[in-house]
């Protein structure tokens, strides 16, 4: 979807049928405490989790988590690409998959500079 990933599935052995997706920081802590869910390899610092055992979570809850991940990836796209991604979706799907805006960037802290003493004209 527009060059952004929201989930990926592992279909080769030995880790067949595992899948990973992005979560919020709150849900990341919640999910990594559940047996059958672990931090995604190399992507954990970005709040990605891997579901090892699908039976450990209810299907509706998994659908909700994947929808959130999709909406977050959609929110990172330009409005034009968002419209293209949702062009084939029905009205009900568009309402369910409304994009989530990414969090605002943290303000940069300016380094404290020592005061500059300027000499005004000579007297």
PDB file of N, CA and C in Angstrom:
ATOM      1  N   UNK A   1       0.841  -1.172   0.000  1.00  0.00           N
ATOM      2  CA  UNK A   1       0.000   0.000   0.000  1.00  0.00           C
ATOM      3  C   UNK A   1       0.884   1.232   0.000  1.00  0.00           C
ATOM      4  N   UNK A   2       1.083   1.821  -1.133  1.00  0.00           N
ATOM      5  CA  UNK A   2       1.811   3.070  -1.233  1.00  0.00           C
ATOM      6  C   UNK A   2       3.238   3.013  -0.713  1.00  0.00           C
ATOM      7  N   UNK A   3       3.852   1.835  -0.692  1.00  0.00           N
ATOM      8  CA  UNK A   3       5.216   1.718  -0.198  1.00  0.00           C
ATOM      9  C   UNK A   3       5.321   1.580   1.314  1.00  0.00           C
ATOM     10  N   UNK A   4       4.198   1.522   2.015  1.00  0.00           N
ATOM     11  CA  UNK A   4       4.191   1.367   3.474  1.00  0.00           C
ATOM     12  C   UNK A   4       3.725  -0.038   3.827  1.00  0.00           C
ATOM     13  N   UNK A   5       4.336  -0.618   4.839  1.00  0.00           N
ATOM     14  CA  UNK A   5       3.945  -1.940   5.318  1.00  0.00           C
ATOM     15  C   UNK A   5       3.101  -1.790   6.573  1.00  0.00           C
ATOM     16  N   UNK A   6       2.078  -2.607   6.705  1.00  0.00           N
ATOM     17  CA  UNK A   6       1.283  -2.617   7.933  1.00  0.00           C
ATOM     18  C   UNK A   6       1.294  -3.996   8.582  1.00  0.00           C
ATOM     19  N   UNK A   7       1.667  -5.030   7.825  1.00  0.00           N
ATOM     20  CA  UNK A   7       1.774  -6.390   8.358  1.00  0.00           C
ATOM     21  C   UNK A   7       2.566  -7.224   7.359  1.00  0.00           C
ATOM     22  N   UNK A   8       3.158  -8.288   7.859  1.00  0.00           N
ATOM     23  CA  UNK A   8       3.776  -9.244   6.950  1.00  0.00           C
ATOM     24  C   UNK A   8       3.586 -10.638   7.504  1.00  0.00           C
ATOM     25  N   UNK A   9       3.449 -11.572   6.573  1.00  0.00           N
ATOM     26  CA  UNK A   9       3.139 -12.948   6.916  1.00  0.00           C
ATOM     27  C   UNK A   9       4.291 -13.852   6.534  1.00  0.00           C
ATOM     28  N   UNK A  10       4.567 -14.807   7.379  1.00  0.00           N
ATOM     29  CA  UNK A  10       5.637 -15.783   7.145  1.00  0.00           C
ATOM     30  C   UNK A  10       4.973 -17.074   6.680  1.00  0.00           C
ATOM     31  N   UNK A  11       5.254 -17.486   5.453  1.00  0.00           N
ATOM     32  CA  UNK A  11       4.613 -18.698   4.925  1.00  0.00           C
ATOM     33  C   UNK A  11       5.603 -19.821   4.656  1.00  0.00           C
ATOM     34  N   UNK A  12       6.880 -19.593   4.949  1.00  0.00           N
ATOM     35  CA  UNK A  12       7.869 -20.646   4.728  1.00  0.00           C
ATOM     36  C   UNK A  12       8.207 -21.340   6.044  1.00  0.00           C
ATOM     37  N   UNK A  13       8.715 -22.530   5.933  1.00  0.00           N
ATOM     38  CA  UNK A  13       9.120 -23.285   7.116  1.00  0.00           C
ATOM     39  C   UNK A  13      10.416 -22.704   7.665  1.00  0.00           C
ATOM     40  N   UNK A  14      10.745 -22.788   8.894  1.00  0.00           N
ATOM     41  CA  UNK A  14      10.098 -23.478  10.001  1.00  0.00           C
ATOM     42  C   UNK A  14       9.103 -22.605  10.757  1.00  0.00           C
ATOM     43  N   UNK A  15       8.988 -21.329  10.395  1.00  0.00           N
ATOM     44  CA  UNK A  15       8.095 -20.424  11.131  1.00  0.00           C
ATOM     45  C   UNK A  15       6.802 -20.184  10.362  1.00  0.00           C
ATOM     46  N   UNK A  16       6.238 -21.218   9.842  1.00  0.00           N
ATOM     47  CA  UNK A  16       5.068 -21.095   8.982  1.00  0.00           C
ATOM     48  C   UNK A  16       3.866 -20.527   9.715  1.00  0.00           C
ATOM     49  N   UNK A  17       3.170 -19.620   9.060  1.00  0.00           N
ATOM     50  CA  UNK A  17       1.932 -18.990   9.489  1.00  0.00           C
ATOM     51  C   UNK A  17       2.084 -18.024  10.664  1.00  0.00           C
ATOM     52  N   UNK A  18       3.265 -17.563  10.926  1.00  0.00           N
ATOM     53  CA  UNK A  18       3.435 -16.472  11.877  1.00  0.00           C
ATOM     54  C   UNK A  18       3.172 -15.173  11.126  1.00  0.00           C
ATOM     55  N   UNK A  19       2.686 -14.190  11.833  1.00  0.00           N
ATOM     56  CA  UNK A  19       2.563 -12.895  11.175  1.00  0.00           C
ATOM     57  C   UNK A  19       2.865 -11.785  12.151  1.00  0.00           C
ATOM     58  N   UNK A  20       3.325 -10.674  11.593  1.00  0.00           N
ATOM     59  CA  UNK A  20       3.744  -9.532  12.395  1.00  0.00           C
ATOM     60  C   UNK A  20       2.999  -8.296  11.944  1.00  0.00           C
ATOM     61  N   UNK A  21       2.810  -7.366  12.855  1.00  0.00           N
ATOM     62  CA  UNK A  21       2.131  -6.115  12.542  1.00  0.00           C
ATOM     63  C   UNK A  21       2.541  -5.050  13.544  1.00  0.00           C
ATOM     64  N   UNK A  22       2.299  -3.799  13.197  1.00  0.00           N
ATOM     65  CA  UNK A  22       2.641  -2.664  14.042  1.00  0.00           C
ATOM     66  C   UNK A  22       1.502  -2.401  15.021  1.00  0.00           C
ATOM     67  N   UNK A  23       1.867  -2.010  16.253  1.00  0.00           N
ATOM     68  CA  UNK A  23       0.872  -1.681  17.271  1.00  0.00           C
ATOM     69  C   UNK A  23       1.218  -0.339  17.898  1.00  0.00           C
ATOM     70  N   UNK A  24       0.329   0.141  18.735  1.00  0.00           N
ATOM     71  CA  UNK A  24       0.629   1.345  19.509  1.00  0.00           C
ATOM     72  C   UNK A  24       1.541   0.951  20.663  1.00  0.00           C
ATOM     73  N   UNK A  25       2.157   1.923  21.298  1.00  0.00           N
ATOM     74  CA  UNK A  25       3.086   1.604  22.390  1.00  0.00           C
ATOM     75  C   UNK A  25       2.361   0.955  23.562  1.00  0.00           C
ATOM     76  N   UNK A  26       1.129   1.376  23.846  1.00  0.00           N
ATOM     77  CA  UNK A  26       0.354   0.766  24.934  1.00  0.00           C
ATOM     78  C   UNK A  26       0.013  -0.689  24.625  1.00  0.00           C
ATOM     79  N   UNK A  27      -0.465  -0.928  23.435  1.00  0.00           N
ATOM     80  CA  UNK A  27      -0.820  -2.292  23.045  1.00  0.00           C
ATOM     81  C   UNK A  27       0.417  -3.185  22.936  1.00  0.00           C
ATOM     82  N   UNK A  28       1.556  -2.587  22.567  1.00  0.00           N
ATOM     83  CA  UNK A  28       2.794  -3.351  22.472  1.00  0.00           C
ATOM     84  C   UNK A  28       3.123  -3.995  23.812  1.00  0.00           C
ATOM     85  N   UNK A  29       3.031  -3.219  24.878  1.00  0.00           N
ATOM     86  CA  UNK A  29       3.300  -3.759  26.216  1.00  0.00           C
ATOM     87  C   UNK A  29       2.275  -4.816  26.602  1.00  0.00           C
ATOM     88  N   UNK A  30       1.030  -4.570  26.271  1.00  0.00           N
ATOM     89  CA  UNK A  30      -0.042  -5.522  26.571  1.00  0.00           C
ATOM     90  C   UNK A  30       0.162  -6.835  25.819  1.00  0.00           C
ATOM     91  N   UNK A  31       0.446  -6.738  24.533  1.00  0.00           N
ATOM     92  CA  UNK A  31       0.547  -7.934  23.696  1.00  0.00           C
ATOM     93  C   UNK A  31       1.784  -8.768  23.991  1.00  0.00           C
ATOM     94  N   UNK A  32       2.914  -8.130  24.283  1.00  0.00           N
ATOM     95  CA  UNK A  32       4.129  -8.903  24.530  1.00  0.00           C
ATOM     96  C   UNK A  32       4.057  -9.672  25.840  1.00  0.00           C
ATOM     97  N   UNK A  33       3.075  -9.383  26.664  1.00  0.00           N
ATOM     98  CA  UNK A  33       2.872 -10.146  27.885  1.00  0.00           C
ATOM     99  C   UNK A  33       1.994 -11.376  27.691  1.00  0.00           C
ATOM    100  N   UNK A  34       1.438 -11.555  26.510  1.00  0.00           N
ATOM    101  CA  UNK A  34       0.552 -12.689  26.216  1.00  0.00           C
ATOM    102  C   UNK A  34       1.383 -13.838  25.643  1.00  0.00           C
ATOM    103  N   UNK A  35       1.188 -15.067  26.159  1.00  0.00           N
ATOM    104  CA  UNK A  35       1.890 -16.210  25.550  1.00  0.00           C
ATOM    105  C   UNK A  35       1.452 -16.382  24.098  1.00  0.00           C
ATOM    106  N   UNK A  36       2.390 -16.657  23.226  1.00  0.00           N
ATOM    107  CA  UNK A  36       2.081 -16.806  21.805  1.00  0.00           C
ATOM    108  C   UNK A  36       2.301 -15.525  21.017  1.00  0.00           C
ATOM    109  N   UNK A  37       2.653 -14.439  21.693  1.00  0.00           N
ATOM    110  CA  UNK A  37       2.938 -13.166  21.035  1.00  0.00           C
ATOM    111  C   UNK A  37       4.296 -12.702  21.536  1.00  0.00           C
ATOM    112  N   UNK A  38       5.157 -12.290  20.611  1.00  0.00           N
ATOM    113  CA  UNK A  38       6.480 -11.829  21.019  1.00  0.00           C
ATOM    114  C   UNK A  38       6.877 -10.608  20.206  1.00  0.00           C
ATOM    115  N   UNK A  39       7.939  -9.976  20.628  1.00  0.00           N
ATOM    116  CA  UNK A  39       8.469  -8.827  19.920  1.00  0.00           C
ATOM    117  C   UNK A  39       8.966  -9.271  18.552  1.00  0.00           C
ATOM    118  N   UNK A  40       8.643  -8.504  17.512  1.00  0.00           N
ATOM    119  CA  UNK A  40       9.080  -8.851  16.160  1.00  0.00           C
ATOM    120  C   UNK A  40      10.591  -8.666  16.038  1.00  0.00           C
ATOM    121  N   UNK A  41      11.215  -9.629  15.402  1.00  0.00           N
ATOM    122  CA  UNK A  41      12.663  -9.585  15.227  1.00  0.00           C
ATOM    123  C   UNK A  41      13.045  -8.371  14.380  1.00  0.00           C
ATOM    124  N   UNK A  42      13.994  -7.615  14.852  1.00  0.00           N
ATOM    125  CA  UNK A  42      14.540  -6.422  14.209  1.00  0.00           C
ATOM    126  C   UNK A  42      13.559  -5.249  14.124  1.00  0.00           C
ATOM    127  N   UNK A  43      12.295  -5.429  14.493  1.00  0.00           N
ATOM    128  CA  UNK A  43      11.319  -4.354  14.368  1.00  0.00           C
ATOM    129  C   UNK A  43      10.659  -4.013  15.707  1.00  0.00           C
ATOM    130  N   UNK A  44      11.086  -4.651  16.759  1.00  0.00           N
ATOM    131  CA  UNK A  44      10.479  -4.428  18.066  1.00  0.00           C
ATOM    132  C   UNK A  44      10.594  -2.996  18.548  1.00  0.00           C
ATOM    133  N   UNK A  45      11.670  -2.337  18.211  1.00  0.00           N
ATOM    134  CA  UNK A  45      11.830  -0.959  18.673  1.00  0.00           C
ATOM    135  C   UNK A  45      10.840  -0.011  18.000  1.00  0.00           C
ATOM    136  N   UNK A  46      10.226  -0.461  16.928  1.00  0.00           N
ATOM    137  CA  UNK A  46       9.188   0.322  16.259  1.00  0.00           C
ATOM    138  C   UNK A  46       7.785  -0.160  16.630  1.00  0.00           C
ATOM    139  N   UNK A  47       7.685  -0.943  17.691  1.00  0.00           N
ATOM    140  CA  UNK A  47       6.423  -1.481  18.226  1.00  0.00           C
ATOM    141  C   UNK A  47       5.747  -2.465  17.280  1.00  0.00           C
ATOM    142  N   UNK A  48       6.527  -3.346  16.669  1.00  0.00           N
ATOM    143  CA  UNK A  48       5.990  -4.441  15.878  1.00  0.00           C
ATOM    144  C   UNK A  48       5.997  -5.691  16.744  1.00  0.00           C
ATOM    145  N   UNK A  49       4.944  -6.496  16.637  1.00  0.00           N
ATOM    146  CA  UNK A  49       4.865  -7.761  17.363  1.00  0.00           C
ATOM    147  C   UNK A  49       4.643  -8.893  16.364  1.00  0.00           C
ATOM    148  N   UNK A  50       5.025 -10.094  16.773  1.00  0.00           N
ATOM    149  CA  UNK A  50       4.813 -11.298  15.967  1.00  0.00           C
ATOM    150  C   UNK A  50       3.877 -12.220  16.722  1.00  0.00           C
ATOM    151  N   UNK A  51       2.814 -12.652  16.065  1.00  0.00           N
ATOM    152  CA  UNK A  51       1.890 -13.612  16.644  1.00  0.00           C
ATOM    153  C   UNK A  51       2.374 -14.993  16.227  1.00  0.00           C
ATOM    154  N   UNK A  52       2.877 -15.745  17.212  1.00  0.00           N
ATOM    155  CA  UNK A  52       3.416 -17.079  16.953  1.00  0.00           C
ATOM    156  C   UNK A  52       2.287 -18.098  16.922  1.00  0.00           C
ATOM    157  N   UNK A  53       1.360 -17.955  17.845  1.00  0.00           N
ATOM    158  CA  UNK A  53       0.244 -18.894  17.948  1.00  0.00           C
ATOM    159  C   UNK A  53      -1.058 -18.111  17.807  1.00  0.00           C
ATOM    160  N   UNK A  54      -1.680 -18.222  16.655  1.00  0.00           N
ATOM    161  CA  UNK A  54      -2.902 -17.472  16.360  1.00  0.00           C
ATOM    162  C   UNK A  54      -4.025 -17.830  17.328  1.00  0.00           C
ATOM    163  N   UNK A  55      -4.017 -19.048  17.840  1.00  0.00           N
ATOM    164  CA  UNK A  55      -5.078 -19.490  18.753  1.00  0.00           C
ATOM    165  C   UNK A  55      -5.003 -18.790  20.106  1.00  0.00           C
ATOM    166  N   UNK A  56      -3.908 -18.083  20.388  1.00  0.00           N
ATOM    167  CA  UNK A  56      -3.765 -17.421  21.684  1.00  0.00           C
ATOM    168  C   UNK A  56      -4.587 -16.138  21.773  1.00  0.00           C
ATOM    169  N   UNK A  57      -5.091 -15.635  20.646  1.00  0.00           N
ATOM    170  CA  UNK A  57      -5.882 -14.406  20.630  1.00  0.00           C
ATOM    171  C   UNK A  57      -7.201 -14.637  19.907  1.00  0.00           C
ATOM    172  N   UNK A  58      -8.283 -14.009  20.374  1.00  0.00           N
ATOM    173  CA  UNK A  58      -9.564 -14.134  19.666  1.00  0.00           C
ATOM    174  C   UNK A  58      -9.483 -13.518  18.262  1.00  0.00           C
ATOM    175  N   UNK A  59     -10.199 -14.091  17.318  1.00  0.00           N
ATOM    176  CA  UNK A  59     -10.159 -13.638  15.921  1.00  0.00           C
ATOM    177  C   UNK A  59     -10.579 -12.176  15.787  1.00  0.00           C
ATOM    178  N   UNK A  60     -11.595 -11.771  16.521  1.00  0.00           N
ATOM    179  CA  UNK A  60     -12.075 -10.380  16.430  1.00  0.00           C
ATOM    180  C   UNK A  60     -11.011  -9.399  16.929  1.00  0.00           C
ATOM    181  N   UNK A  61     -10.308  -9.780  17.974  1.00  0.00           N
ATOM    182  CA  UNK A  61      -9.247  -8.929  18.514  1.00  0.00           C
ATOM    183  C   UNK A  61      -8.094  -8.815  17.515  1.00  0.00           C
ATOM    184  N   UNK A  62      -7.724  -9.917  16.861  1.00  0.00           N
ATOM    185  CA  UNK A  62      -6.693  -9.884  15.829  1.00  0.00           C
ATOM    186  C   UNK A  62      -7.108  -8.980  14.677  1.00  0.00           C
ATOM    187  N   UNK A  63      -8.363  -9.065  14.276  1.00  0.00           N
ATOM    188  CA  UNK A  63      -8.864  -8.220  13.191  1.00  0.00           C
ATOM    189  C   UNK A  63      -8.764  -6.746  13.575  1.00  0.00           C
ATOM    190  N   UNK A  64      -9.106  -6.435  14.815  1.00  0.00           N
ATOM    191  CA  UNK A  64      -9.020  -5.060  15.307  1.00  0.00           C
ATOM    192  C   UNK A  64      -7.568  -4.560  15.286  1.00  0.00           C
ATOM    193  N   UNK A  65      -6.632  -5.402  15.707  1.00  0.00           N
ATOM    194  CA  UNK A  65      -5.224  -5.021  15.729  1.00  0.00           C
ATOM    195  C   UNK A  65      -4.675  -4.789  14.320  1.00  0.00           C
ATOM    196  N   UNK A  66      -5.044  -5.646  13.384  1.00  0.00           N
ATOM    197  CA  UNK A  66      -4.570  -5.499  12.009  1.00  0.00           C
ATOM    198  C   UNK A  66      -5.219  -4.290  11.344  1.00  0.00           C
ATOM    199  N   UNK A  67      -6.495  -4.040  11.635  1.00  0.00           N
ATOM    200  CA  UNK A  67      -7.154  -2.835  11.117  1.00  0.00           C
ATOM    201  C   UNK A  67      -6.436  -1.579  11.604  1.00  0.00           C
ATOM    202  N   UNK A  68      -6.046  -1.557  12.889  1.00  0.00           N
ATOM    203  CA  UNK A  68      -5.350  -0.398  13.439  1.00  0.00           C
ATOM    204  C   UNK A  68      -4.017  -0.195  12.711  1.00  0.00           C
ATOM    205  N   UNK A  69      -3.290  -1.282  12.485  1.00  0.00           N
ATOM    206  CA  UNK A  69      -2.007  -1.201  11.802  1.00  0.00           C
ATOM    207  C   UNK A  69      -2.186  -0.668  10.376  1.00  0.00           C
ATOM    208  N   UNK A  70      -3.219  -1.132   9.689  1.00  0.00           N
ATOM    209  CA  UNK A  70      -3.504  -0.658   8.335  1.00  0.00           C
ATOM    210  C   UNK A  70      -3.842   0.827   8.347  1.00  0.00           C
ATOM    211  N   UNK A  71      -4.705   1.219   9.286  1.00  0.00           N
ATOM    212  CA  UNK A  71      -5.106   2.626   9.369  1.00  0.00           C
ATOM    213  C   UNK A  71      -3.924   3.529   9.683  1.00  0.00           C
ATOM    214  N   UNK A  72      -3.008   3.051  10.509  1.00  0.00           N
ATOM    215  CA  UNK A  72      -1.820   3.844  10.850  1.00  0.00           C
ATOM    216  C   UNK A  72      -0.918   4.003   9.627  1.00  0.00           C
ATOM    217  N   UNK A  73      -0.700   2.926   8.865  1.00  0.00           N
ATOM    218  CA  UNK A  73       0.106   3.014   7.640  1.00  0.00           C
ATOM    219  C   UNK A  73      -0.569   3.922   6.615  1.00  0.00           C
ATOM    220  N   UNK A  74      -1.888   3.843   6.534  1.00  0.00           N
ATOM    221  CA  UNK A  74      -2.652   4.688   5.617  1.00  0.00           C
ATOM    222  C   UNK A  74      -2.513   6.158   6.012  1.00  0.00           C
ATOM    223  N   UNK A  75      -2.479   6.437   7.305  1.00  0.00           N
ATOM    224  CA  UNK A  75      -2.331   7.807   7.789  1.00  0.00           C
ATOM    225  C   UNK A  75      -0.980   8.410   7.456  1.00  0.00           C
ATOM    226  N   UNK A  76       0.024   7.589   7.199  1.00  0.00           N
ATOM    227  CA  UNK A  76       1.352   8.087   6.841  1.00  0.00           C
ATOM    228  C   UNK A  76       1.476   8.422   5.358  1.00  0.00           C
ATOM    229  N   UNK A  77       0.456   8.103   4.572  1.00  0.00           N
ATOM    230  CA  UNK A  77       0.479   8.395   3.144  1.00  0.00           C
ATOM    231  C   UNK A  77      -0.071   9.791   2.876  1.00  0.00           C
ATOM    232  N   UNK A  78       0.229  10.320   1.690  1.00  0.00           N
ATOM    233  CA  UNK A  78      -0.359  11.601   1.287  1.00  0.00           C
ATOM    234  C   UNK A  78      -1.856  11.392   1.059  1.00  0.00           C
ATOM    235  N   UNK A  79      -2.600  12.470   1.035  1.00  0.00           N
ATOM    236  CA  UNK A  79      -4.055  12.353   0.839  1.00  0.00           C
ATOM    237  C   UNK A  79      -4.393  11.727  -0.518  1.00  0.00           C
ATOM    238  N   UNK A  80      -3.597  12.019  -1.515  1.00  0.00           N
ATOM    239  CA  UNK A  80      -3.833  11.442  -2.836  1.00  0.00           C
ATOM    240  C   UNK A  80      -3.665   9.927  -2.788  1.00  0.00           C
ATOM    241  N   UNK A  81      -2.596   9.457  -2.144  1.00  0.00           N
ATOM    242  CA  UNK A  81      -2.375   8.007  -2.047  1.00  0.00           C
ATOM    243  C   UNK A  81      -3.403   7.341  -1.146  1.00  0.00           C
ATOM    244  N   UNK A  82      -3.879   8.043  -0.127  1.00  0.00           N
ATOM    245  CA  UNK A  82      -4.947   7.502   0.717  1.00  0.00           C
ATOM    246  C   UNK A  82      -6.195   7.273  -0.120  1.00  0.00           C
ATOM    247  N   UNK A  83      -6.538   8.253  -0.953  1.00  0.00           N
ATOM    248  CA  UNK A  83      -7.718   8.117  -1.808  1.00  0.00           C
ATOM    249  C   UNK A  83      -7.552   6.956  -2.783  1.00  0.00           C
ATOM    250  N   UNK A  84      -6.348   6.789  -3.336  1.00  0.00           N
ATOM    251  CA  UNK A  84      -6.093   5.678  -4.249  1.00  0.00           C
ATOM    252  C   UNK A  84      -6.223   4.330  -3.536  1.00  0.00           C
ATOM    253  N   UNK A  85      -5.737   4.258  -2.297  1.00  0.00           N
ATOM    254  CA  UNK A  85      -5.787   3.001  -1.550  1.00  0.00           C
ATOM    255  C   UNK A  85      -7.219   2.626  -1.185  1.00  0.00           C
ATOM    256  N   UNK A  86      -8.063   3.628  -0.957  1.00  0.00           N
ATOM    257  CA  UNK A  86      -9.451   3.355  -0.564  1.00  0.00           C
ATOM    258  C   UNK A  86     -10.429   3.443  -1.728  1.00  0.00           C
ATOM    259  N   UNK A  87      -9.931   3.598  -2.952  1.00  0.00           N
ATOM    260  CA  UNK A  87     -10.811   3.779  -4.111  1.00  0.00           C
ATOM    261  C   UNK A  87     -11.746   2.596  -4.317  1.00  0.00           C
ATOM    262  N   UNK A  88     -11.272   1.382  -4.125  1.00  0.00           N
ATOM    263  CA  UNK A  88     -12.089   0.193  -4.380  1.00  0.00           C
ATOM    264  C   UNK A  88     -12.874  -0.271  -3.163  1.00  0.00           C
ATOM    265  N   UNK A  89     -12.711   0.392  -2.032  1.00  0.00           N
ATOM    266  CA  UNK A  89     -13.389  -0.025  -0.805  1.00  0.00           C
ATOM    267  C   UNK A  89     -14.832   0.457  -0.786  1.00  0.00           C
ATOM    268  N   UNK A  90     -15.685  -0.306  -0.140  1.00  0.00           N
ATOM    269  CA  UNK A  90     -17.075   0.110   0.012  1.00  0.00           C
ATOM    270  C   UNK A  90     -17.156   1.219   1.056  1.00  0.00           C
ATOM    271  N   UNK A  91     -18.315   1.857   1.174  1.00  0.00           N
ATOM    272  CA  UNK A  91     -18.492   2.938   2.144  1.00  0.00           C
ATOM    273  C   UNK A  91     -18.294   2.437   3.570  1.00  0.00           C
ATOM    274  N   UNK A  92     -18.779   1.244   3.873  1.00  0.00           N
ATOM    275  CA  UNK A  92     -18.608   0.683   5.223  1.00  0.00           C
ATOM    276  C   UNK A  92     -17.133   0.435   5.519  1.00  0.00           C
ATOM    277  N   UNK A  93     -16.396  -0.054   4.533  1.00  0.00           N
ATOM    278  CA  UNK A  93     -14.965  -0.284   4.730  1.00  0.00           C
ATOM    279  C   UNK A  93     -14.218   1.030   4.905  1.00  0.00           C
ATOM    280  N   UNK A  94     -14.613   2.062   4.168  1.00  0.00           N
ATOM    281  CA  UNK A  94     -13.962   3.368   4.314  1.00  0.00           C
ATOM    282  C   UNK A  94     -14.153   3.928   5.709  1.00  0.00           C
ATOM    283  N   UNK A  95     -15.331   3.748   6.263  1.00  0.00           N
ATOM    284  CA  UNK A  95     -15.572   4.236   7.625  1.00  0.00           C
ATOM    285  C   UNK A  95     -14.751   3.446   8.634  1.00  0.00           C
ATOM    286  N   UNK A  96     -14.669   2.137   8.442  1.00  0.00           N
ATOM    287  CA  UNK A  96     -13.919   1.289   9.364  1.00  0.00           C
ATOM    288  C   UNK A  96     -12.419   1.522   9.259  1.00  0.00           C
ATOM    289  N   UNK A  97     -11.955   1.853   8.065  1.00  0.00           N
ATOM    290  CA  UNK A  97     -10.525   1.992   7.832  1.00  0.00           C
ATOM    291  C   UNK A  97     -10.092   3.451   7.678  1.00  0.00           C
ATOM    292  N   UNK A  98     -10.721   4.346   8.413  1.00  0.00           N
ATOM    293  CA  UNK A  98     -10.317   5.755   8.375  1.00  0.00           C
ATOM    294  C   UNK A  98      -8.872   5.876   8.852  1.00  0.00           C
ATOM    295  N   UNK A  99      -8.048   6.652   8.161  1.00  0.00           N
ATOM    296  CA  UNK A  99      -6.630   6.733   8.528  1.00  0.00           C
ATOM    297  C   UNK A  99      -6.399   7.345   9.903  1.00  0.00           C
ATOM    298  N   UNK A 100      -5.346   6.892  10.548  1.00  0.00           N
ATOM    299  CA  UNK A 100      -4.912   7.441  11.827  1.00  0.00           C
ATOM    300  C   UNK A 100      -3.702   8.313  11.543  1.00  0.00           C
ATOM    301  N   UNK A 101      -3.768   9.543  11.973  1.00  0.00           N
ATOM    302  CA  UNK A 101      -2.647  10.455  11.742  1.00  0.00           C
ATOM    303  C   UNK A 101      -1.462  10.042  12.606  1.00  0.00           C
ATOM    304  N   UNK A 102      -0.258  10.119  12.058  1.00  0.00           N
ATOM    305  CA  UNK A 102       0.920   9.793  12.871  1.00  0.00           C
ATOM    306  C   UNK A 102       1.112  10.828  13.958  1.00  0.00           C
ATOM    307  N   UNK A 103       1.771  10.470  15.054  1.00  0.00           N
ATOM    308  CA  UNK A 103       1.982  11.454  16.106  1.00  0.00           C
ATOM    309  C   UNK A 103       2.880  12.580  15.609  1.00  0.00           C
ATOM    310  N   UNK A 104       2.663  13.754  16.172  1.00  0.00           N
ATOM    311  CA  UNK A 104       3.480  14.906  15.794  1.00  0.00           C
ATOM    312  C   UNK A 104       4.914  14.665  16.224  1.00  0.00           C
ATOM    313  N   UNK A 105       5.812  15.184  15.446  1.00  0.00           N
ATOM    314  CA  UNK A 105       7.226  15.039  15.774  1.00  0.00           C
ATOM    315  C   UNK A 105       7.541  15.811  17.057  1.00  0.00           C
ATOM    316  N   UNK A 106       8.429  15.239  17.839  1.00  0.00           N
ATOM    317  CA  UNK A 106       8.831  15.924  19.058  1.00  0.00           C
ATOM    318  C   UNK A 106       9.613  17.174  18.709  1.00  0.00           C
ATOM    319  N   UNK A 107       9.408  18.272  19.432  1.00  0.00           N
ATOM    320  CA  UNK A 107      10.168  19.479  19.119  1.00  0.00           C
ATOM    321  C   UNK A 107      11.648  19.263  19.425  1.00  0.00           C
ATOM    322  N   UNK A 108      12.472  19.810  18.599  1.00  0.00           N
ATOM    323  CA  UNK A 108      13.905  19.701  18.824  1.00  0.00           C
ATOM    324  C   UNK A 108      14.320  20.677  19.907  1.00  0.00           C
ATOM    325  N   UNK A 109      15.171  20.208  20.749  1.00  0.00           N
ATOM    326  CA  UNK A 109      15.693  21.073  21.794  1.00  0.00           C
ATOM    327  C   UNK A 109      16.919  21.795  21.243  1.00  0.00           C
ATOM    328  N   UNK A 110      16.898  23.092  21.395  1.00  0.00           N
ATOM    329  CA  UNK A 110      18.036  23.857  20.924  1.00  0.00           C
ATOM    330  C   UNK A 110      19.141  23.765  21.954  1.00  0.00           C
ATOM    331  N   UNK A 111      20.322  23.553  21.490  1.00  0.00           N
ATOM    332  CA  UNK A 111      21.459  23.464  22.407  1.00  0.00           C
ATOM    333  C   UNK A 111      21.673  24.816  23.068  1.00  0.00           C
ATOM    334  N   UNK A 112      21.960  24.787  24.338  1.00  0.00           N
ATOM    335  CA  UNK A 112      22.227  26.032  25.056  1.00  0.00           C
ATOM    336  C   UNK A 112      23.576  26.570  24.616  1.00  0.00           C
ATOM    337  N   UNK A 113      23.567  27.743  24.084  1.00  0.00           N
ATOM    338  CA  UNK A 113      24.808  28.374  23.664  1.00  0.00           C
ATOM    339  C   UNK A 113      25.262  29.352  24.742  1.00  0.00           C
ATOM    340  N   UNK A 114      26.552  29.488  24.896  1.00  0.00           N
ATOM    341  CA  UNK A 114      27.009  30.485  25.860  1.00  0.00           C
ATOM    342  C   UNK A 114      26.642  31.877  25.359  1.00  0.00           C
ATOM    343  N   UNK A 115      26.361  32.801  26.275  1.00  0.00           N
ATOM    344  CA  UNK A 115      25.973  34.149  25.830  1.00  0.00           C
ATOM    345  C   UNK A 115      27.104  34.809  25.041  1.00  0.00           C
ATOM    346  N   UNK A 116      26.711  35.531  24.042  1.00  0.00           N
ATOM    347  CA  UNK A 116      27.675  36.223  23.199  1.00  0.00           C
ATOM    348  C   UNK A 116      27.758  37.663  23.688  1.00  0.00           C
ATOM    349  N   UNK A 117      28.957  38.105  24.007  1.00  0.00           N
ATOM    350  CA  UNK A 117      29.152  39.484  24.454  1.00  0.00           C
ATOM    351  C   UNK A 117      29.573  40.313  23.257  1.00  0.00           C
ATOM    352  N   UNK A 118      28.748  41.224  22.929  1.00  0.00           N
ATOM    353  CA  UNK A 118      29.036  42.065  21.788  1.00  0.00           C
ATOM    354  C   UNK A 118      29.527  43.423  22.289  1.00  0.00           C
ATOM    355  N   UNK A 119      30.442  43.898  21.608  1.00  0.00           N
ATOM    356  CA  UNK A 119      30.962  45.220  21.943  1.00  0.00           C
ATOM    357  C   UNK A 119      30.264  46.232  21.068  1.00  0.00           C
ATOM    358  N   UNK A 120      29.575  47.132  21.719  1.00  0.00           N
ATOM    359  CA  UNK A 120      28.926  48.188  20.937  1.00  0.00           C
ATOM    360  C   UNK A 120      29.982  49.203  20.533  1.00  0.00           C
ATOM    361  N   UNK A 121      29.663  50.068  19.783  1.00  0.00           N
ATOM    362  CA  UNK A 121      30.637  51.064  19.269  1.00  0.00           C
ATOM    363  C   UNK A 121      31.578  51.610  20.347  1.00  0.00           C
ATOM    364  N   UNK A 122      32.714  52.134  19.931  1.00  0.00           N
ATOM    365  CA  UNK A 122      33.692  52.697  20.859  1.00  0.00           C
ATOM    366  C   UNK A 122      33.243  54.060  21.339  1.00  0.00           C
ATOM    367  N   UNK A 123      33.550  54.367  22.604  1.00  0.00           N
ATOM    368  CA  UNK A 123      33.153  55.683  23.113  1.00  0.00           C
ATOM    369  C   UNK A 123      34.326  56.545  23.429  1.00  0.00           C
TER     370      UNK A 123
END
